[in-house]
Amino acid sequence: QNALTYKEVFPYVMDNKMWLGYNSGGQIFLVPESFSKNNAFIGEDGKKYAKFGNICWYTNLDISIRHEKLILYRKYNIFIFYIKKYKTYNLYTNIE
């Protein structure tokens, strides 16, 4: 999810042209036989796989999860923002 903070990516998110997709988190991928990291294993089909954590998909497809209500636990206060309670990114006034 660090890519969201990249100056080349963040404008797409801000303009609502890109958002997070489904199934973020640890994912398993088919890897070549020459892959030699510790996270590799042989599946039941005899092929080599590896599990990678922190995988995040981005999309511009309209998915239902985008329209679910977000339950907030803190109100945004513009005055608190200016005393550095919230972080800023690339000169945008966003809340982490």
Protein backbone atom coordinates (compact mmCIF):
# COMPACT_ATOMS: atom_id res chain seq x y z
CA GLN A 1 0.00 0.00 0.00
CA ASN A 2 3.03 2.26 0.04
CA ALA A 3 2.45 2.95 -3.66
CA LEU A 4 -0.53 5.10 -2.66
CA THR A 5 1.92 7.69 -1.35
CA TYR A 6 3.95 7.88 -4.58
CA LYS A 7 3.62 11.23 -6.31
CA GLU A 8 2.86 9.44 -9.61
CA VAL A 9 0.06 7.32 -8.10
CA PHE A 10 -1.62 9.53 -5.49
CA PRO A 11 -3.23 11.96 -7.99
CA TYR A 12 -5.20 9.05 -9.50
CA VAL A 13 -6.54 8.18 -6.05
CA MET A 14 -7.37 11.82 -5.28
CA ASP A 15 -9.22 12.19 -8.61
CA ASN A 16 -11.15 8.95 -7.89
CA LYS A 17 -9.66 7.28 -10.98
CA MET A 18 -8.03 4.44 -9.01
CA TRP A 19 -8.74 2.63 -5.74
CA LEU A 20 -7.88 -0.52 -3.80
CA GLY A 21 -9.22 -3.77 -5.18
CA TYR A 22 -10.26 -7.02 -3.51
CA ASN A 23 -8.06 -9.61 -1.80
CA SER A 24 -5.24 -7.48 -0.47
CA GLY A 25 -2.84 -9.16 1.96
CA GLY A 26 -0.85 -12.39 1.70
CA GLN A 27 -1.12 -14.10 -1.70
CA ILE A 28 0.31 -17.28 -3.22
CA PHE A 29 1.93 -17.16 -6.66
CA LEU A 30 3.28 -19.78 -9.05
CA VAL A 31 7.07 -19.24 -9.29
CA PRO A 32 9.77 -20.67 -11.58
CA GLU A 33 11.68 -23.78 -10.50
CA SER A 34 14.80 -21.61 -10.13
CA PHE A 35 13.12 -19.52 -7.40
CA SER A 36 15.09 -20.15 -4.19
CA LYS A 37 13.61 -17.97 -1.44
CA ASN A 38 12.57 -19.46 1.92
CA ASN A 39 8.88 -18.79 1.27
CA ALA A 40 8.74 -21.27 -1.66
CA PHE A 41 6.98 -24.63 -1.42
CA ILE A 42 5.85 -27.43 -3.71
CA GLY A 43 2.08 -27.64 -4.16
CA GLU A 44 -0.04 -30.79 -4.46
CA ASP A 45 0.21 -30.46 -8.24
CA GLY A 46 4.03 -30.70 -8.06
CA LYS A 47 4.56 -27.05 -9.07
CA LYS A 48 6.56 -24.53 -7.07
CA TYR A 49 4.70 -21.72 -5.29
CA ALA A 50 5.65 -18.89 -2.96
CA LYS A 51 3.58 -16.85 -0.54
CA PHE A 52 4.13 -13.11 -0.54
CA GLY A 53 2.68 -10.81 2.12
CA ASN A 54 1.43 -7.26 1.77
CA ILE A 55 0.15 -7.66 -1.79
CA CYS A 56 -2.19 -4.88 -2.78
CA TRP A 57 -4.29 -4.67 -5.93
CA TYR A 58 -5.34 -1.39 -7.50
CA THR A 59 -8.21 -1.07 -9.94
CA ASN A 60 -10.47 1.34 -11.72
CA LEU A 61 -13.31 -1.20 -11.92
CA ASP A 62 -16.40 -0.26 -9.93
CA ILE A 63 -16.46 -2.87 -7.14
CA SER A 64 -19.14 -3.09 -4.45
CA ILE A 65 -16.76 -2.65 -1.50
CA ARG A 66 -16.16 0.95 -2.65
CA HIS A 67 -19.75 1.82 -1.77
CA GLU A 68 -19.80 0.35 1.74
CA LYS A 69 -20.05 2.85 4.58
CA LEU A 70 -16.79 3.65 6.31
CA ILE A 71 -17.16 3.76 10.09
CA LEU A 72 -15.05 6.62 11.40
CA TYR A 73 -13.78 6.81 14.96
CA ARG A 74 -12.44 10.37 15.01
CA LYS A 75 -13.70 13.68 13.62
CA TYR A 76 -11.45 15.79 11.44
CA ASN A 77 -10.72 19.20 12.91
CA ILE A 78 -9.01 21.70 10.60
CA PHE A 79 -7.46 23.55 13.57
CA ILE A 80 -5.89 20.37 14.96
CA PHE A 81 -4.54 19.62 11.49
CA TYR A 82 -2.43 22.75 11.54
CA ILE A 83 -0.82 21.91 14.86
CA LYS A 84 0.55 18.71 13.29
CA LYS A 85 -1.74 16.14 14.85
CA TYR A 86 -2.21 14.70 11.36
CA LYS A 87 0.55 13.91 8.86
CA THR A 88 0.68 15.55 5.43
CA TYR A 89 1.79 13.94 2.18
CA ASN A 90 3.09 15.75 -0.91
CA LEU A 91 1.40 18.97 0.16
CA TYR A 92 -2.07 17.37 0.28
CA THR A 93 -4.16 17.91 3.41
CA ASN A 94 -4.97 14.25 4.04
CA ILE A 95 -5.45 12.22 7.16
CA GLU A 96 -3.61 8.95 7.68
